[in-house]
PDB file of all heavy atoms in Angstrom:
ATOM      1  N   LEU A   1     -77.197-103.591  14.130  1.00  0.00           N
ATOM      2  CA  LEU A   1     -76.596-104.544  15.055  1.00  0.00           C
ATOM      3  C   LEU A   1     -75.374-103.985  15.770  1.00  0.00           C
ATOM      4  O   LEU A   1     -74.966-104.521  16.791  1.00  0.00           O
ATOM      5  CB  LEU A   1     -76.231-105.828  14.322  1.00  0.00           C
ATOM      6  CG  LEU A   1     -77.390-106.599  13.688  1.00  0.00           C
ATOM      7  CD1 LEU A   1     -76.867-107.827  12.965  1.00  0.00           C
ATOM      8  CD2 LEU A   1     -78.411-106.996  14.744  1.00  0.00           C
ATOM      9  N   MET A   2     -74.788-102.921  15.202  1.00  0.00           N
ATOM     10  CA  MET A   2     -73.587-102.353  15.805  1.00  0.00           C
ATOM     11  C   MET A   2     -73.576-100.848  15.611  1.00  0.00           C
ATOM     12  O   MET A   2     -73.876-100.357  14.517  1.00  0.00           O
ATOM     13  CB  MET A   2     -72.341-102.973  15.184  1.00  0.00           C
ATOM     14  CG  MET A   2     -71.031-102.439  15.748  1.00  0.00           C
ATOM     15  SD  MET A   2     -69.588-103.242  15.011  1.00  0.00           S
ATOM     16  CE  MET A   2     -69.783-104.910  15.648  1.00  0.00           C
ATOM     17  N   THR A   3     -73.237-100.122  16.661  1.00  0.00           N
ATOM     18  CA  THR A   3     -73.017 -98.692  16.586  1.00  0.00           C
ATOM     19  C   THR A   3     -71.640 -98.364  17.148  1.00  0.00           C
ATOM     20  O   THR A   3     -71.134 -99.058  18.031  1.00  0.00           O
ATOM     21  CB  THR A   3     -74.077 -97.900  17.354  1.00  0.00           C
ATOM     22  OG1 THR A   3     -74.168 -98.376  18.699  1.00  0.00           O
ATOM     23  CG2 THR A   3     -75.443 -98.050  16.696  1.00  0.00           C
ATOM     24  N   THR A   4     -71.030 -97.328  16.616  1.00  0.00           N
ATOM     25  CA  THR A   4     -69.717 -96.869  17.030  1.00  0.00           C
ATOM     26  C   THR A   4     -69.752 -95.358  17.168  1.00  0.00           C
ATOM     27  O   THR A   4     -70.344 -94.663  16.323  1.00  0.00           O
ATOM     28  CB  THR A   4     -68.643 -97.281  16.014  1.00  0.00           C
ATOM     29  OG1 THR A   4     -68.625 -98.708  15.872  1.00  0.00           O
ATOM     30  CG2 THR A   4     -67.245 -96.826  16.476  1.00  0.00           C
ATOM     31  N   TYR A   5     -69.099 -94.833  18.206  1.00  0.00           N
ATOM     32  CA  TYR A   5     -69.112 -93.401  18.472  1.00  0.00           C
ATOM     33  C   TYR A   5     -67.706 -92.872  18.710  1.00  0.00           C
ATOM     34  O   TYR A   5     -66.836 -93.577  19.236  1.00  0.00           O
ATOM     35  CB  TYR A   5     -69.959 -93.077  19.699  1.00  0.00           C
ATOM     36  CG  TYR A   5     -71.401 -93.497  19.585  1.00  0.00           C
ATOM     37  CD1 TYR A   5     -71.823 -94.717  20.073  1.00  0.00           C
ATOM     38  CD2 TYR A   5     -72.328 -92.653  18.987  1.00  0.00           C
ATOM     39  CE1 TYR A   5     -73.147 -95.106  19.969  1.00  0.00           C
ATOM     40  CE2 TYR A   5     -73.655 -93.030  18.868  1.00  0.00           C
ATOM     41  CZ  TYR A   5     -74.062 -94.257  19.362  1.00  0.00           C
ATOM     42  OH  TYR A   5     -75.379 -94.643  19.252  1.00  0.00           O
ATOM     43  N   ALA A   6     -67.508 -91.616  18.339  1.00  0.00           N
ATOM     44  CA  ALA A   6     -66.298 -90.934  18.739  1.00  0.00           C
ATOM     45  C   ALA A   6     -66.280 -90.800  20.268  1.00  0.00           C
ATOM     46  O   ALA A   6     -67.328 -90.657  20.899  1.00  0.00           O
ATOM     47  CB  ALA A   6     -66.235 -89.553  18.094  1.00  0.00           C
ATOM     48  N   ASP A   7     -65.082 -90.838  20.847  1.00  0.00           N
ATOM     49  CA  ASP A   7     -64.971 -90.742  22.295  1.00  0.00           C
ATOM     50  C   ASP A   7     -65.605 -89.462  22.837  1.00  0.00           C
ATOM     51  O   ASP A   7     -66.157 -89.456  23.932  1.00  0.00           O
ATOM     52  CB  ASP A   7     -63.505 -90.803  22.717  1.00  0.00           C
ATOM     53  CG  ASP A   7     -62.903 -92.185  22.559  1.00  0.00           C
ATOM     54  OD1 ASP A   7     -63.665 -93.166  22.441  1.00  0.00           O
ATOM     55  OD2 ASP A   7     -61.668 -92.292  22.568  1.00  0.00           O
ATOM     56  N   SER A   8     -65.542 -88.395  22.071  1.00  0.00           N
ATOM     57  CA  SER A   8     -66.026 -87.115  22.531  1.00  0.00           C
ATOM     58  C   SER A   8     -67.544 -87.057  22.707  1.00  0.00           C
ATOM     59  O   SER A   8     -68.044 -86.198  23.438  1.00  0.00           O
ATOM     60  CB  SER A   8     -65.584 -86.002  21.566  1.00  0.00           C
ATOM     61  OG  SER A   8     -66.102 -86.239  20.261  1.00  0.00           O
ATOM     62  N   VAL A   9     -68.268 -87.957  22.054  1.00  0.00           N
ATOM     63  CA  VAL A   9     -69.725 -87.939  22.127  1.00  0.00           C
ATOM     64  C   VAL A   9     -70.294 -89.179  22.795  1.00  0.00           C
ATOM     65  O   VAL A   9     -71.517 -89.232  23.036  1.00  0.00           O
ATOM     66  CB  VAL A   9     -70.364 -87.755  20.736  1.00  0.00           C
ATOM     67  CG1 VAL A   9     -69.780 -86.547  20.021  1.00  0.00           C
ATOM     68  CG2 VAL A   9     -70.193 -89.016  19.891  1.00  0.00           C
ATOM     69  N   LYS A  10     -69.466 -90.141  23.101  1.00  0.00           N
ATOM     70  CA  LYS A  10     -69.936 -91.398  23.683  1.00  0.00           C
ATOM     71  C   LYS A  10     -70.681 -91.146  24.991  1.00  0.00           C
ATOM     72  O   LYS A  10     -70.205 -90.430  25.856  1.00  0.00           O
ATOM     73  CB  LYS A  10     -68.748 -92.341  23.904  1.00  0.00           C
ATOM     74  CG  LYS A  10     -69.134 -93.764  24.227  1.00  0.00           C
ATOM     75  CD  LYS A  10     -67.884 -94.651  24.338  1.00  0.00           C
ATOM     76  CE  LYS A  10     -67.104 -94.661  23.036  1.00  0.00           C
ATOM     77  NZ  LYS A  10     -65.893 -95.534  23.130  1.00  0.00           N
ATOM     78  N   GLY A  11     -71.849 -91.738  25.100  1.00  0.00           N
ATOM     79  CA  GLY A  11     -72.675 -91.562  26.282  1.00  0.00           C
ATOM     80  C   GLY A  11     -73.654 -90.417  26.181  1.00  0.00           C
ATOM     81  O   GLY A  11     -74.586 -90.329  27.007  1.00  0.00           O
ATOM     82  N   ARG A  12     -73.461 -89.526  25.217  1.00  0.00           N
ATOM     83  CA  ARG A  12     -74.353 -88.377  25.043  1.00  0.00           C
ATOM     84  C   ARG A  12     -75.146 -88.428  23.743  1.00  0.00           C
ATOM     85  O   ARG A  12     -76.254 -87.927  23.683  1.00  0.00           O
ATOM     86  CB  ARG A  12     -73.558 -87.073  25.077  1.00  0.00           C
ATOM     87  CG  ARG A  12     -72.861 -86.810  26.396  1.00  0.00           C
ATOM     88  CD  ARG A  12     -72.230 -85.425  26.427  1.00  0.00           C
ATOM     89  NE  ARG A  12     -71.189 -85.289  25.408  1.00  0.00           N
ATOM     90  CZ  ARG A  12     -71.267 -84.483  24.352  1.00  0.00           C
ATOM     91  NH1 ARG A  12     -72.352 -83.728  24.165  1.00  0.00           N
ATOM     92  NH2 ARG A  12     -70.275 -84.428  23.479  1.00  0.00           N
ATOM     93  N   PHE A  13     -74.555 -89.009  22.710  1.00  0.00           N
ATOM     94  CA  PHE A  13     -75.202 -89.089  21.392  1.00  0.00           C
ATOM     95  C   PHE A  13     -75.645 -90.509  21.122  1.00  0.00           C
ATOM     96  O   PHE A  13     -74.992 -91.476  21.543  1.00  0.00           O
ATOM     97  CB  PHE A  13     -74.243 -88.671  20.290  1.00  0.00           C
ATOM     98  CG  PHE A  13     -73.927 -87.202  20.228  1.00  0.00           C
ATOM     99  CD1 PHE A  13     -74.221 -86.343  21.271  1.00  0.00           C
ATOM    100  CD2 PHE A  13     -73.325 -86.684  19.092  1.00  0.00           C
ATOM    101  CE1 PHE A  13     -73.912 -84.997  21.203  1.00  0.00           C
ATOM    102  CE2 PHE A  13     -73.016 -85.338  19.008  1.00  0.00           C
ATOM    103  CZ  PHE A  13     -73.315 -84.497  20.066  1.00  0.00           C
ATOM    104  N   THR A  14     -76.735 -90.652  20.381  1.00  0.00           N
ATOM    105  CA  THR A  14     -77.242 -91.963  20.002  1.00  0.00           C
ATOM    106  C   THR A  14     -77.625 -91.954  18.535  1.00  0.00           C
ATOM    107  O   THR A  14     -78.404 -91.104  18.103  1.00  0.00           O
ATOM    108  CB  THR A  14     -78.464 -92.373  20.839  1.00  0.00           C
ATOM    109  OG1 THR A  14     -78.124 -92.382  22.231  1.00  0.00           O
ATOM    110  CG2 THR A  14     -78.933 -93.775  20.445  1.00  0.00           C
ATOM    111  N   ILE A  15     -77.088 -92.912  17.783  1.00  0.00           N
ATOM    112  CA  ILE A  15     -77.480 -93.103  16.391  1.00  0.00           C
ATOM    113  C   ILE A  15     -78.488 -94.233  16.310  1.00  0.00           C
ATOM    114  O   ILE A  15     -78.318 -95.273  16.952  1.00  0.00           O
ATOM    115  CB  ILE A  15     -76.259 -93.430  15.507  1.00  0.00           C
ATOM    116  CG1 ILE A  15     -75.300 -92.243  15.451  1.00  0.00           C
ATOM    117  CG2 ILE A  15     -76.698 -93.803  14.097  1.00  0.00           C
ATOM    118  CD1 ILE A  15     -74.033 -92.536  14.674  1.00  0.00           C
ATOM    119  N   SER A  16     -79.522 -94.024  15.533  1.00  0.00           N
ATOM    120  CA  SER A  16     -80.503 -95.069  15.283  1.00  0.00           C
ATOM    121  C   SER A  16     -80.974 -94.967  13.839  1.00  0.00           C
ATOM    122  O   SER A  16     -80.694 -93.990  13.146  1.00  0.00           O
ATOM    123  CB  SER A  16     -81.698 -94.959  16.241  1.00  0.00           C
ATOM    124  OG  SER A  16     -82.372 -93.731  16.089  1.00  0.00           O
ATOM    125  N   ARG A  17     -81.670 -95.993  13.374  1.00  0.00           N
ATOM    126  CA  ARG A  17     -82.213 -95.937  12.018  1.00  0.00           C
ATOM    127  C   ARG A  17     -83.540 -96.667  11.953  1.00  0.00           C
ATOM    128  O   ARG A  17     -83.797 -97.600  12.708  1.00  0.00           O
ATOM    129  CB  ARG A  17     -81.215 -96.507  10.995  1.00  0.00           C
ATOM    130  CG  ARG A  17     -80.945 -97.995  11.141  1.00  0.00           C
ATOM    131  CD  ARG A  17     -79.729 -98.406  10.304  1.00  0.00           C
ATOM    132  NE  ARG A  17     -79.974 -98.299   8.877  1.00  0.00           N
ATOM    133  CZ  ARG A  17     -79.009 -98.332   7.949  1.00  0.00           C
ATOM    134  NH1 ARG A  17     -77.742 -98.472   8.309  1.00  0.00           N
ATOM    135  NH2 ARG A  17     -79.338 -98.230   6.664  1.00  0.00           N
ATOM    136  N   ASP A  18     -84.363 -96.214  11.030  1.00  0.00           N
ATOM    137  CA  ASP A  18     -85.650 -96.842  10.746  1.00  0.00           C
ATOM    138  C   ASP A  18     -85.621 -97.177   9.261  1.00  0.00           C
ATOM    139  O   ASP A  18     -85.868 -96.313   8.425  1.00  0.00           O
ATOM    140  CB  ASP A  18     -86.796 -95.912  11.106  1.00  0.00           C
ATOM    141  CG  ASP A  18     -88.154 -96.566  10.947  1.00  0.00           C
ATOM    142  OD1 ASP A  18     -88.265 -97.582  10.230  1.00  0.00           O
ATOM    143  OD2 ASP A  18     -89.123 -96.059  11.541  1.00  0.00           O
ATOM    144  N   ASN A  19     -85.312 -98.414   8.950  1.00  0.00           N
ATOM    145  CA  ASN A  19     -85.155 -98.793   7.544  1.00  0.00           C
ATOM    146  C   ASN A  19     -86.464 -98.727   6.761  1.00  0.00           C
ATOM    147  O   ASN A  19     -86.444 -98.530   5.549  1.00  0.00           O
ATOM    148  CB  ASN A  19     -84.549-100.192   7.445  1.00  0.00           C
ATOM    149  CG  ASN A  19     -83.081-100.216   7.838  1.00  0.00           C
ATOM    150  OD1 ASN A  19     -82.418 -99.181   7.855  1.00  0.00           O
ATOM    151  ND2 ASN A  19     -82.574-101.394   8.168  1.00  0.00           N
ATOM    152  N   ALA A  20     -87.597 -98.881   7.441  1.00  0.00           N
ATOM    153  CA  ALA A  20     -88.873 -98.757   6.779  1.00  0.00           C
ATOM    154  C   ALA A  20     -89.132 -97.328   6.303  1.00  0.00           C
ATOM    155  O   ALA A  20     -89.896 -97.105   5.369  1.00  0.00           O
ATOM    156  CB  ALA A  20     -90.005 -99.205   7.697  1.00  0.00           C
ATOM    157  N   LYS A  21     -88.493 -96.354   6.967  1.00  0.00           N
ATOM    158  CA  LYS A  21     -88.638 -94.943   6.609  1.00  0.00           C
ATOM    159  C   LYS A  21     -87.416 -94.397   5.878  1.00  0.00           C
ATOM    160  O   LYS A  21     -87.360 -93.198   5.596  1.00  0.00           O
ATOM    161  CB  LYS A  21     -88.909 -94.111   7.853  1.00  0.00           C
ATOM    162  CG  LYS A  21     -90.206 -94.456   8.556  1.00  0.00           C
ATOM    163  CD  LYS A  21     -90.420 -93.560   9.759  1.00  0.00           C
ATOM    164  CE  LYS A  21     -91.747 -93.868  10.433  1.00  0.00           C
ATOM    165  NZ  LYS A  21     -91.969 -93.010  11.624  1.00  0.00           N
ATOM    166  N   ASN A  22     -86.438 -95.237   5.586  1.00  0.00           N
ATOM    167  CA  ASN A  22     -85.206 -94.802   4.932  1.00  0.00           C
ATOM    168  C   ASN A  22     -84.548 -93.638   5.666  1.00  0.00           C
ATOM    169  O   ASN A  22     -84.044 -92.696   5.056  1.00  0.00           O
ATOM    170  CB  ASN A  22     -85.467 -94.400   3.476  1.00  0.00           C
ATOM    171  CG  ASN A  22     -85.526 -95.591   2.542  1.00  0.00           C
ATOM    172  OD1 ASN A  22     -85.702 -96.732   2.955  1.00  0.00           O
ATOM    173  ND2 ASN A  22     -85.389 -95.308   1.238  1.00  0.00           N
ATOM    174  N   THR A  23     -84.529 -93.715   6.991  1.00  0.00           N
ATOM    175  CA  THR A  23     -84.080 -92.589   7.807  1.00  0.00           C
ATOM    176  C   THR A  23     -83.101 -93.039   8.875  1.00  0.00           C
ATOM    177  O   THR A  23     -83.314 -94.065   9.528  1.00  0.00           O
ATOM    178  CB  THR A  23     -85.278 -91.894   8.466  1.00  0.00           C
ATOM    179  OG1 THR A  23     -86.192 -91.459   7.447  1.00  0.00           O
ATOM    180  CG2 THR A  23     -84.817 -90.682   9.256  1.00  0.00           C
ATOM    181  N   VAL A  24     -82.062 -92.246   9.063  1.00  0.00           N
ATOM    182  CA  VAL A  24     -81.129 -92.420  10.155  1.00  0.00           C
ATOM    183  C   VAL A  24     -81.202 -91.181  11.035  1.00  0.00           C
ATOM    184  O   VAL A  24     -81.389 -90.056  10.528  1.00  0.00           O
ATOM    185  CB  VAL A  24     -79.691 -92.696   9.657  1.00  0.00           C
ATOM    186  CG1 VAL A  24     -79.153 -91.525   8.848  1.00  0.00           C
ATOM    187  CG2 VAL A  24     -78.763 -93.012  10.834  1.00  0.00           C
ATOM    188  N   TYR A  25     -81.066 -91.358  12.348  1.00  0.00           N
ATOM    189  CA  TYR A  25     -81.209 -90.277  13.312  1.00  0.00           C
ATOM    190  C   TYR A  25     -79.950 -90.105  14.137  1.00  0.00           C
ATOM    191  O   TYR A  25     -79.189 -91.058  14.356  1.00  0.00           O
ATOM    192  CB  TYR A  25     -82.365 -90.551  14.264  1.00  0.00           C
ATOM    193  CG  TYR A  25     -83.689 -90.808  13.591  1.00  0.00           C
ATOM    194  CD1 TYR A  25     -84.094 -92.109  13.296  1.00  0.00           C
ATOM    195  CD2 TYR A  25     -84.534 -89.762  13.254  1.00  0.00           C
ATOM    196  CE1 TYR A  25     -85.301 -92.358  12.686  1.00  0.00           C
ATOM    197  CE2 TYR A  25     -85.749 -90.008  12.640  1.00  0.00           C
ATOM    198  CZ  TYR A  25     -86.129 -91.306  12.355  1.00  0.00           C
ATOM    199  OH  TYR A  25     -87.332 -91.549  11.742  1.00  0.00           O
ATOM    200  N   LEU A  26     -79.762 -88.886  14.604  1.00  0.00           N
ATOM    201  CA  LEU A  26     -78.710 -88.599  15.573  1.00  0.00           C
ATOM    202  C   LEU A  26     -79.336 -87.817  16.724  1.00  0.00           C
ATOM    203  O   LEU A  26     -79.680 -86.647  16.561  1.00  0.00           O
ATOM    204  CB  LEU A  26     -77.568 -87.800  14.946  1.00  0.00           C
ATOM    205  CG  LEU A  26     -76.409 -87.461  15.888  1.00  0.00           C
ATOM    206  CD1 LEU A  26     -75.676 -88.738  16.335  1.00  0.00           C
ATOM    207  CD2 LEU A  26     -75.430 -86.498  15.214  1.00  0.00           C
ATOM    208  N   GLN A  27     -79.502 -88.481  17.852  1.00  0.00           N
ATOM    209  CA  GLN A  27     -79.999 -87.841  19.064  1.00  0.00           C
ATOM    210  C   GLN A  27     -78.811 -87.303  19.842  1.00  0.00           C
ATOM    211  O   GLN A  27     -77.917 -88.066  20.208  1.00  0.00           O
ATOM    212  CB  GLN A  27     -80.795 -88.836  19.909  1.00  0.00           C
ATOM    213  CG  GLN A  27     -81.193 -88.313  21.284  1.00  0.00           C
ATOM    214  CD  GLN A  27     -82.178 -87.164  21.211  1.00  0.00           C
ATOM    215  OE1 GLN A  27     -83.170 -87.249  20.487  1.00  0.00           O
ATOM    216  NE2 GLN A  27     -81.916 -86.107  21.955  1.00  0.00           N
ATOM    217  N   MET A  28     -78.807 -86.005  20.101  1.00  0.00           N
ATOM    218  CA  MET A  28     -77.697 -85.347  20.755  1.00  0.00           C
ATOM    219  C   MET A  28     -78.164 -84.750  22.072  1.00  0.00           C
ATOM    220  O   MET A  28     -79.113 -83.961  22.105  1.00  0.00           O
ATOM    221  CB  MET A  28     -77.099 -84.249  19.868  1.00  0.00           C
ATOM    222  CG  MET A  28     -76.666 -84.751  18.494  1.00  0.00           C
ATOM    223  SD  MET A  28     -75.919 -83.442  17.477  1.00  0.00           S
ATOM    224  CE  MET A  28     -77.361 -82.436  17.145  1.00  0.00           C
ATOM    225  N   ASN A  29     -77.505 -85.114  23.160  1.00  0.00           N
ATOM    226  CA  ASN A  29     -77.822 -84.619  24.486  1.00  0.00           C
ATOM    227  C   ASN A  29     -76.636 -83.867  25.068  1.00  0.00           C
ATOM    228  O   ASN A  29     -75.488 -84.086  24.676  1.00  0.00           O
ATOM    229  CB  ASN A  29     -78.212 -85.767  25.417  1.00  0.00           C
ATOM    230  CG  ASN A  29     -79.452 -86.495  24.976  1.00  0.00           C
ATOM    231  OD1 ASN A  29     -80.382 -85.903  24.423  1.00  0.00           O
ATOM    232  ND2 ASN A  29     -79.491 -87.806  25.229  1.00  0.00           N
ATOM    233  N   SER A  30     -76.915 -83.004  26.028  1.00  0.00           N
ATOM    234  CA  SER A  30     -75.879 -82.254  26.745  1.00  0.00           C
ATOM    235  C   SER A  30     -74.925 -81.557  25.785  1.00  0.00           C
ATOM    236  O   SER A  30     -73.696 -81.633  25.921  1.00  0.00           O
ATOM    237  CB  SER A  30     -75.106 -83.183  27.692  1.00  0.00           C
ATOM    238  OG  SER A  30     -75.967 -83.788  28.628  1.00  0.00           O
ATOM    239  N   LEU A  31     -75.470 -80.851  24.824  1.00  0.00           N
ATOM    240  CA  LEU A  31     -74.664 -80.198  23.804  1.00  0.00           C
ATOM    241  C   LEU A  31     -73.817 -79.077  24.386  1.00  0.00           C
ATOM    242  O   LEU A  31     -74.241 -78.355  25.289  1.00  0.00           O
ATOM    243  CB  LEU A  31     -75.554 -79.657  22.691  1.00  0.00           C
ATOM    244  CG  LEU A  31     -76.062 -80.726  21.723  1.00  0.00           C
ATOM    245  CD1 LEU A  31     -77.279 -80.235  20.968  1.00  0.00           C
ATOM    246  CD2 LEU A  31     -74.945 -81.119  20.751  1.00  0.00           C
ATOM    247  N   GLN A  32     -72.616 -78.921  23.862  1.00  0.00           N
ATOM    248  CA  GLN A  32     -71.639 -77.942  24.311  1.00  0.00           C
ATOM    249  C   GLN A  32     -71.344 -76.940  23.207  1.00  0.00           C
ATOM    250  O   GLN A  32     -71.538 -77.214  22.027  1.00  0.00           O
ATOM    251  CB  GLN A  32     -70.346 -78.656  24.732  1.00  0.00           C
ATOM    252  CG  GLN A  32     -70.557 -79.728  25.793  1.00  0.00           C
ATOM    253  CD  GLN A  32     -69.383 -80.655  25.945  1.00  0.00           C
ATOM    254  OE1 GLN A  32     -68.401 -80.561  25.204  1.00  0.00           O
ATOM    255  NE2 GLN A  32     -69.457 -81.557  26.916  1.00  0.00           N
ATOM    256  N   PHE A  33     -70.842 -75.749  23.599  1.00  0.00           N
ATOM    257  CA  PHE A  33     -70.507 -74.699  22.635  1.00  0.00           C
ATOM    258  C   PHE A  33     -69.630 -75.227  21.509  1.00  0.00           C
ATOM    259  O   PHE A  33     -69.841 -74.882  20.336  1.00  0.00           O
ATOM    260  CB  PHE A  33     -69.770 -73.551  23.336  1.00  0.00           C
ATOM    261  CG  PHE A  33     -70.645 -72.697  24.206  1.00  0.00           C
ATOM    262  CD1 PHE A  33     -70.411 -72.639  25.563  1.00  0.00           C
ATOM    263  CD2 PHE A  33     -71.676 -71.942  23.665  1.00  0.00           C
ATOM    264  CE1 PHE A  33     -71.198 -71.838  26.376  1.00  0.00           C
ATOM    265  CE2 PHE A  33     -72.465 -71.148  24.471  1.00  0.00           C
ATOM    266  CZ  PHE A  33     -72.225 -71.095  25.829  1.00  0.00           C
TER     267      PHE A  33
END
């Protein structure tokens, strides 16, 4: 129901979870060095 992000990754990273699979994900876009 709620997600929170560090300012440095806001808009580029997405956290999601699938409770049926006991799994949390981190989708990372536009990655930097």
